[in-house]
Amino acid sequence: MPKLKTRKAASKRYKKTGNNNFLRRHAYKGHLLMKKSNSQKRKLSTNICVTKADSKPIKLMLPY
């Protein structure tokens, strides 16, 4: 049986935690940061867990 391949784009975006959850970054933090307030940028810089509905396809993309 051949080895399963990892989707490299998904491995750059998601990190697996110890409880088999996935961490992701917030959106809207890539550019146009001068018009955003400091508190908004600070909240967007934290990592959050992926929802359960989105975690099933991520598990298929990251088999290991």
PDB file of N, CA and C in Angstrom:
ATOM      1  N   MET A   1       0.846  -1.176   0.000  1.00  0.00           N
ATOM      2  CA  MET A   1       0.000   0.000   0.000  1.00  0.00           C
ATOM      3  C   MET A   1       0.895   1.245   0.000  1.00  0.00           C
ATOM      4  N   PRO A   2       0.639   2.196  -0.875  1.00  0.00           N
ATOM      5  CA  PRO A   2       1.519   3.364  -0.948  1.00  0.00           C
ATOM      6  C   PRO A   2       1.296   4.303   0.232  1.00  0.00           C
ATOM      7  N   LYS A   3       2.309   5.121   0.469  1.00  0.00           N
ATOM      8  CA  LYS A   3       2.203   6.106   1.539  1.00  0.00           C
ATOM      9  C   LYS A   3       1.239   7.220   1.132  1.00  0.00           C
ATOM     10  N   LEU A   4       0.568   7.790   2.115  1.00  0.00           N
ATOM     11  CA  LEU A   4      -0.336   8.899   1.867  1.00  0.00           C
ATOM     12  C   LEU A   4       0.462  10.186   1.778  1.00  0.00           C
ATOM     13  N   LYS A   5       0.084  11.045   0.886  1.00  0.00           N
ATOM     14  CA  LYS A   5       0.799  12.301   0.714  1.00  0.00           C
ATOM     15  C   LYS A   5       0.119  13.408   1.509  1.00  0.00           C
ATOM     16  N   THR A   6       0.935  14.278   2.052  1.00  0.00           N
ATOM     17  CA  THR A   6       0.452  15.424   2.798  1.00  0.00           C
ATOM     18  C   THR A   6       0.235  16.581   1.840  1.00  0.00           C
ATOM     19  N   ARG A   7      -0.890  17.284   1.994  1.00  0.00           N
ATOM     20  CA  ARG A   7      -1.105  18.507   1.224  1.00  0.00           C
ATOM     21  C   ARG A   7      -0.235  19.599   1.828  1.00  0.00           C
ATOM     22  N   LYS A   8       0.744  20.056   1.071  1.00  0.00           N
ATOM     23  CA  LYS A   8       1.727  20.999   1.598  1.00  0.00           C
ATOM     24  C   LYS A   8       1.102  22.343   1.932  1.00  0.00           C
ATOM     25  N   ALA A   9       0.085  22.759   1.195  1.00  0.00           N
ATOM     26  CA  ALA A   9      -0.571  24.021   1.501  1.00  0.00           C
ATOM     27  C   ALA A   9      -1.273  23.949   2.858  1.00  0.00           C
ATOM     28  N   ALA A  10      -1.858  22.801   3.176  1.00  0.00           N
ATOM     29  CA  ALA A  10      -2.525  22.641   4.465  1.00  0.00           C
ATOM     30  C   ALA A  10      -1.521  22.550   5.600  1.00  0.00           C
ATOM     31  N   SER A  11      -0.369  21.937   5.350  1.00  0.00           N
ATOM     32  CA  SER A  11       0.623  21.824   6.413  1.00  0.00           C
ATOM     33  C   SER A  11       1.234  23.170   6.763  1.00  0.00           C
ATOM     34  N   LYS A  12       1.218  24.120   5.825  1.00  0.00           N
ATOM     35  CA  LYS A  12       1.719  25.457   6.123  1.00  0.00           C
ATOM     36  C   LYS A  12       0.690  26.294   6.879  1.00  0.00           C
ATOM     37  N   ARG A  13      -0.590  25.945   6.767  1.00  0.00           N
ATOM     38  CA  ARG A  13      -1.635  26.760   7.369  1.00  0.00           C
ATOM     39  C   ARG A  13      -2.128  26.240   8.707  1.00  0.00           C
ATOM     40  N   TYR A  14      -2.055  24.940   8.948  1.00  0.00           N
ATOM     41  CA  TYR A  14      -2.639  24.348  10.148  1.00  0.00           C
ATOM     42  C   TYR A  14      -1.580  23.597  10.925  1.00  0.00           C
ATOM     43  N   LYS A  15      -1.688  23.653  12.268  1.00  0.00           N
ATOM     44  CA  LYS A  15      -0.813  22.892  13.147  1.00  0.00           C
ATOM     45  C   LYS A  15      -1.686  22.007  14.025  1.00  0.00           C
ATOM     46  N   LYS A  16      -1.240  20.777  14.231  1.00  0.00           N
ATOM     47  CA  LYS A  16      -1.996  19.830  15.021  1.00  0.00           C
ATOM     48  C   LYS A  16      -1.625  19.977  16.498  1.00  0.00           C
ATOM     49  N   THR A  17      -2.642  19.961  17.364  1.00  0.00           N
ATOM     50  CA  THR A  17      -2.410  20.065  18.792  1.00  0.00           C
ATOM     51  C   THR A  17      -2.384  18.672  19.409  1.00  0.00           C
ATOM     52  N   GLY A  18      -2.184  18.627  20.702  1.00  0.00           N
ATOM     53  CA  GLY A  18      -2.124  17.348  21.397  1.00  0.00           C
ATOM     54  C   GLY A  18      -3.459  16.645  21.475  1.00  0.00           C
ATOM     55  N   ASN A  19      -4.545  17.392  21.442  1.00  0.00           N
ATOM     56  CA  ASN A  19      -5.885  16.803  21.525  1.00  0.00           C
ATOM     57  C   ASN A  19      -6.504  16.558  20.162  1.00  0.00           C
ATOM     58  N   ASN A  20      -5.671  16.460  19.124  1.00  0.00           N
ATOM     59  CA  ASN A  20      -6.102  16.242  17.742  1.00  0.00           C
ATOM     60  C   ASN A  20      -6.985  17.361  17.214  1.00  0.00           C
ATOM     61  N   ASN A  21      -6.803  18.560  17.738  1.00  0.00           N
ATOM     62  CA  ASN A  21      -7.421  19.735  17.152  1.00  0.00           C
ATOM     63  C   ASN A  21      -6.417  20.390  16.219  1.00  0.00           C
ATOM     64  N   PHE A  22      -6.864  21.378  15.468  1.00  0.00           N
ATOM     65  CA  PHE A  22      -5.988  22.086  14.560  1.00  0.00           C
ATOM     66  C   PHE A  22      -6.035  23.571  14.872  1.00  0.00           C
ATOM     67  N   LEU A  23      -4.882  24.201  14.872  1.00  0.00           N
ATOM     68  CA  LEU A  23      -4.782  25.632  15.081  1.00  0.00           C
ATOM     69  C   LEU A  23      -4.673  26.333  13.745  1.00  0.00           C
ATOM     70  N   ARG A  24      -5.251  27.524  13.664  1.00  0.00           N
ATOM     71  CA  ARG A  24      -5.165  28.321  12.456  1.00  0.00           C
ATOM     72  C   ARG A  24      -5.010  29.776  12.841  1.00  0.00           C
ATOM     73  N   ARG A  25      -4.576  30.572  11.869  1.00  0.00           N
ATOM     74  CA  ARG A  25      -4.449  32.000  12.071  1.00  0.00           C
ATOM     75  C   ARG A  25      -5.762  32.699  11.738  1.00  0.00           C
ATOM     76  N   HIS A  26      -5.903  33.909  12.259  1.00  0.00           N
ATOM     77  CA  HIS A  26      -7.053  34.728  11.908  1.00  0.00           C
ATOM     78  C   HIS A  26      -6.873  35.302  10.507  1.00  0.00           C
ATOM     79  N   ALA A  27      -7.985  35.607   9.874  1.00  0.00           N
ATOM     80  CA  ALA A  27      -7.951  36.310   8.602  1.00  0.00           C
ATOM     81  C   ALA A  27      -7.804  37.812   8.859  1.00  0.00           C
ATOM     82  N   TYR A  28      -7.599  38.560   7.787  1.00  0.00           N
ATOM     83  CA  TYR A  28      -7.520  40.031   7.797  1.00  0.00           C
ATOM     84  C   TYR A  28      -6.292  40.560   8.525  1.00  0.00           C
ATOM     85  N   LYS A  29      -5.214  39.806   8.612  1.00  0.00           N
ATOM     86  CA  LYS A  29      -4.005  40.287   9.267  1.00  0.00           C
ATOM     87  C   LYS A  29      -2.850  40.373   8.270  1.00  0.00           C
ATOM     88  N   GLY A  30      -3.103  40.166   6.996  1.00  0.00           N
ATOM     89  CA  GLY A  30      -2.029  40.128   6.022  1.00  0.00           C
ATOM     90  C   GLY A  30      -1.591  41.477   5.507  1.00  0.00           C
ATOM     91  N   HIS A  31      -2.526  42.403   5.316  1.00  0.00           N
ATOM     92  CA  HIS A  31      -2.176  43.699   4.740  1.00  0.00           C
ATOM     93  C   HIS A  31      -3.216  44.719   5.166  1.00  0.00           C
ATOM     94  N   LEU A  32      -3.030  45.961   4.765  1.00  0.00           N
ATOM     95  CA  LEU A  32      -3.900  47.088   5.131  1.00  0.00           C
ATOM     96  C   LEU A  32      -4.004  47.227   6.646  1.00  0.00           C
ATOM     97  N   LEU A  33      -2.852  47.221   7.320  1.00  0.00           N
ATOM     98  CA  LEU A  33      -2.842  47.230   8.772  1.00  0.00           C
ATOM     99  C   LEU A  33      -2.846  48.636   9.358  1.00  0.00           C
ATOM    100  N   MET A  34      -2.612  49.660   8.555  1.00  0.00           N
ATOM    101  CA  MET A  34      -2.564  51.014   9.106  1.00  0.00           C
ATOM    102  C   MET A  34      -3.940  51.493   9.532  1.00  0.00           C
ATOM    103  N   LYS A  35      -4.977  51.056   8.852  1.00  0.00           N
ATOM    104  CA  LYS A  35      -6.323  51.516   9.202  1.00  0.00           C
ATOM    105  C   LYS A  35      -6.945  50.718  10.328  1.00  0.00           C
ATOM    106  N   LYS A  36      -6.352  49.597  10.718  1.00  0.00           N
ATOM    107  CA  LYS A  36      -6.900  48.789  11.796  1.00  0.00           C
ATOM    108  C   LYS A  36      -6.334  49.271  13.133  1.00  0.00           C
ATOM    109  N   SER A  37      -7.137  49.187  14.167  1.00  0.00           N
ATOM    110  CA  SER A  37      -6.704  49.639  15.481  1.00  0.00           C
ATOM    111  C   SER A  37      -5.736  48.624  16.092  1.00  0.00           C
ATOM    112  N   ASN A  38      -5.014  49.068  17.118  1.00  0.00           N
ATOM    113  CA  ASN A  38      -4.043  48.196  17.766  1.00  0.00           C
ATOM    114  C   ASN A  38      -4.722  47.028  18.461  1.00  0.00           C
ATOM    115  N   SER A  39      -5.893  47.264  19.040  1.00  0.00           N
ATOM    116  CA  SER A  39      -6.589  46.175  19.720  1.00  0.00           C
ATOM    117  C   SER A  39      -7.098  45.143  18.714  1.00  0.00           C
ATOM    118  N   GLN A  40      -7.532  45.596  17.542  1.00  0.00           N
ATOM    119  CA  GLN A  40      -7.988  44.656  16.515  1.00  0.00           C
ATOM    120  C   GLN A  40      -6.827  43.825  15.998  1.00  0.00           C
ATOM    121  N   LYS A  41      -5.681  44.459  15.770  1.00  0.00           N
ATOM    122  CA  LYS A  41      -4.512  43.713  15.289  1.00  0.00           C
ATOM    123  C   LYS A  41      -4.015  42.738  16.341  1.00  0.00           C
ATOM    124  N   ARG A  42      -4.120  43.110  17.605  1.00  0.00           N
ATOM    125  CA  ARG A  42      -3.683  42.220  18.675  1.00  0.00           C
ATOM    126  C   ARG A  42      -4.596  41.005  18.771  1.00  0.00           C
ATOM    127  N   LYS A  43      -5.894  41.196  18.609  1.00  0.00           N
ATOM    128  CA  LYS A  43      -6.823  40.062  18.644  1.00  0.00           C
ATOM    129  C   LYS A  43      -6.667  39.161  17.427  1.00  0.00           C
ATOM    130  N   LEU A  44      -6.327  39.754  16.290  1.00  0.00           N
ATOM    131  CA  LEU A  44      -6.163  38.948  15.078  1.00  0.00           C
ATOM    132  C   LEU A  44      -4.868  38.156  15.076  1.00  0.00           C
ATOM    133  N   SER A  45      -3.916  38.524  15.919  1.00  0.00           N
ATOM    134  CA  SER A  45      -2.626  37.839  15.893  1.00  0.00           C
ATOM    135  C   SER A  45      -2.626  36.549  16.696  1.00  0.00           C
ATOM    136  N   THR A  46      -3.680  36.270  17.456  1.00  0.00           N
ATOM    137  CA  THR A  46      -3.730  35.032  18.230  1.00  0.00           C
ATOM    138  C   THR A  46      -4.180  33.873  17.342  1.00  0.00           C
ATOM    139  N   ASN A  47      -3.789  32.676  17.720  1.00  0.00           N
ATOM    140  CA  ASN A  47      -4.210  31.469  17.015  1.00  0.00           C
ATOM    141  C   ASN A  47      -5.494  30.942  17.642  1.00  0.00           C
ATOM    142  N   ILE A  48      -6.358  30.359  16.823  1.00  0.00           N
ATOM    143  CA  ILE A  48      -7.606  29.789  17.317  1.00  0.00           C
ATOM    144  C   ILE A  48      -7.764  28.383  16.758  1.00  0.00           C
ATOM    145  N   CYS A  49      -8.642  27.617  17.393  1.00  0.00           N
ATOM    146  CA  CYS A  49      -8.890  26.248  16.949  1.00  0.00           C
ATOM    147  C   CYS A  49      -9.874  26.252  15.788  1.00  0.00           C
ATOM    148  N   VAL A  50      -9.705  25.300  14.915  1.00  0.00           N
ATOM    149  CA  VAL A  50     -10.601  25.113  13.781  1.00  0.00           C
ATOM    150  C   VAL A  50     -11.890  24.484  14.291  1.00  0.00           C
ATOM    151  N   THR A  51     -13.013  24.827  13.684  1.00  0.00           N
ATOM    152  CA  THR A  51     -14.285  24.247  14.100  1.00  0.00           C
ATOM    153  C   THR A  51     -14.343  22.761  13.738  1.00  0.00           C
ATOM    154  N   LYS A  52     -15.268  22.069  14.362  1.00  0.00           N
ATOM    155  CA  LYS A  52     -15.389  20.633  14.112  1.00  0.00           C
ATOM    156  C   LYS A  52     -15.807  20.338  12.686  1.00  0.00           C
ATOM    157  N   ALA A  53     -16.608  21.204  12.092  1.00  0.00           N
ATOM    158  CA  ALA A  53     -17.057  20.984  10.719  1.00  0.00           C
ATOM    159  C   ALA A  53     -15.891  21.105   9.740  1.00  0.00           C
ATOM    160  N   ASP A  54     -14.933  21.975  10.040  1.00  0.00           N
ATOM    161  CA  ASP A  54     -13.798  22.164   9.145  1.00  0.00           C
ATOM    162  C   ASP A  54     -12.643  21.213   9.441  1.00  0.00           C
ATOM    163  N   SER A  55     -12.652  20.567  10.585  1.00  0.00           N
ATOM    164  CA  SER A  55     -11.512  19.730  10.946  1.00  0.00           C
ATOM    165  C   SER A  55     -11.494  18.394  10.210  1.00  0.00           C
ATOM    166  N   LYS A  56     -12.654  17.911   9.743  1.00  0.00           N
ATOM    167  CA  LYS A  56     -12.691  16.619   9.051  1.00  0.00           C
ATOM    168  C   LYS A  56     -11.926  16.654   7.731  1.00  0.00           C
ATOM    169  N   PRO A  57     -12.130  17.654   6.847  1.00  0.00           N
ATOM    170  CA  PRO A  57     -11.304  17.680   5.629  1.00  0.00           C
ATOM    171  C   PRO A  57      -9.832  17.977   5.885  1.00  0.00           C
ATOM    172  N   ILE A  58      -9.531  18.673   6.977  1.00  0.00           N
ATOM    173  CA  ILE A  58      -8.133  18.935   7.290  1.00  0.00           C
ATOM    174  C   ILE A  58      -7.441  17.647   7.721  1.00  0.00           C
ATOM    175  N   LYS A  59      -8.159  16.775   8.410  1.00  0.00           N
ATOM    176  CA  LYS A  59      -7.570  15.493   8.804  1.00  0.00           C
ATOM    177  C   LYS A  59      -7.225  14.649   7.576  1.00  0.00           C
ATOM    178  N   LEU A  60      -8.025  14.776   6.524  1.00  0.00           N
ATOM    179  CA  LEU A  60      -7.705  14.047   5.296  1.00  0.00           C
ATOM    180  C   LEU A  60      -6.492  14.645   4.584  1.00  0.00           C
ATOM    181  N   MET A  61      -6.336  15.956   4.695  1.00  0.00           N
ATOM    182  CA  MET A  61      -5.197  16.599   4.030  1.00  0.00           C
ATOM    183  C   MET A  61      -3.902  16.393   4.788  1.00  0.00           C
ATOM    184  N   LEU A  62      -3.980  16.198   6.112  1.00  0.00           N
ATOM    185  CA  LEU A  62      -2.808  15.996   6.955  1.00  0.00           C
ATOM    186  C   LEU A  62      -2.887  14.630   7.600  1.00  0.00           C
ATOM    187  N   PRO A  63      -2.520  13.573   6.903  1.00  0.00           N
ATOM    188  CA  PRO A  63      -2.718  12.230   7.466  1.00  0.00           C
ATOM    189  C   PRO A  63      -1.742  11.886   8.584  1.00  0.00           C
ATOM    190  N   TYR A  64      -0.600  12.572   8.666  1.00  0.00           N
ATOM    191  CA  TYR A  64       0.407  12.210   9.670  1.00  0.00           C
ATOM    192  C   TYR A  64       0.592  13.309  10.680  1.00  0.00           C
TER     193      TYR A  64
END
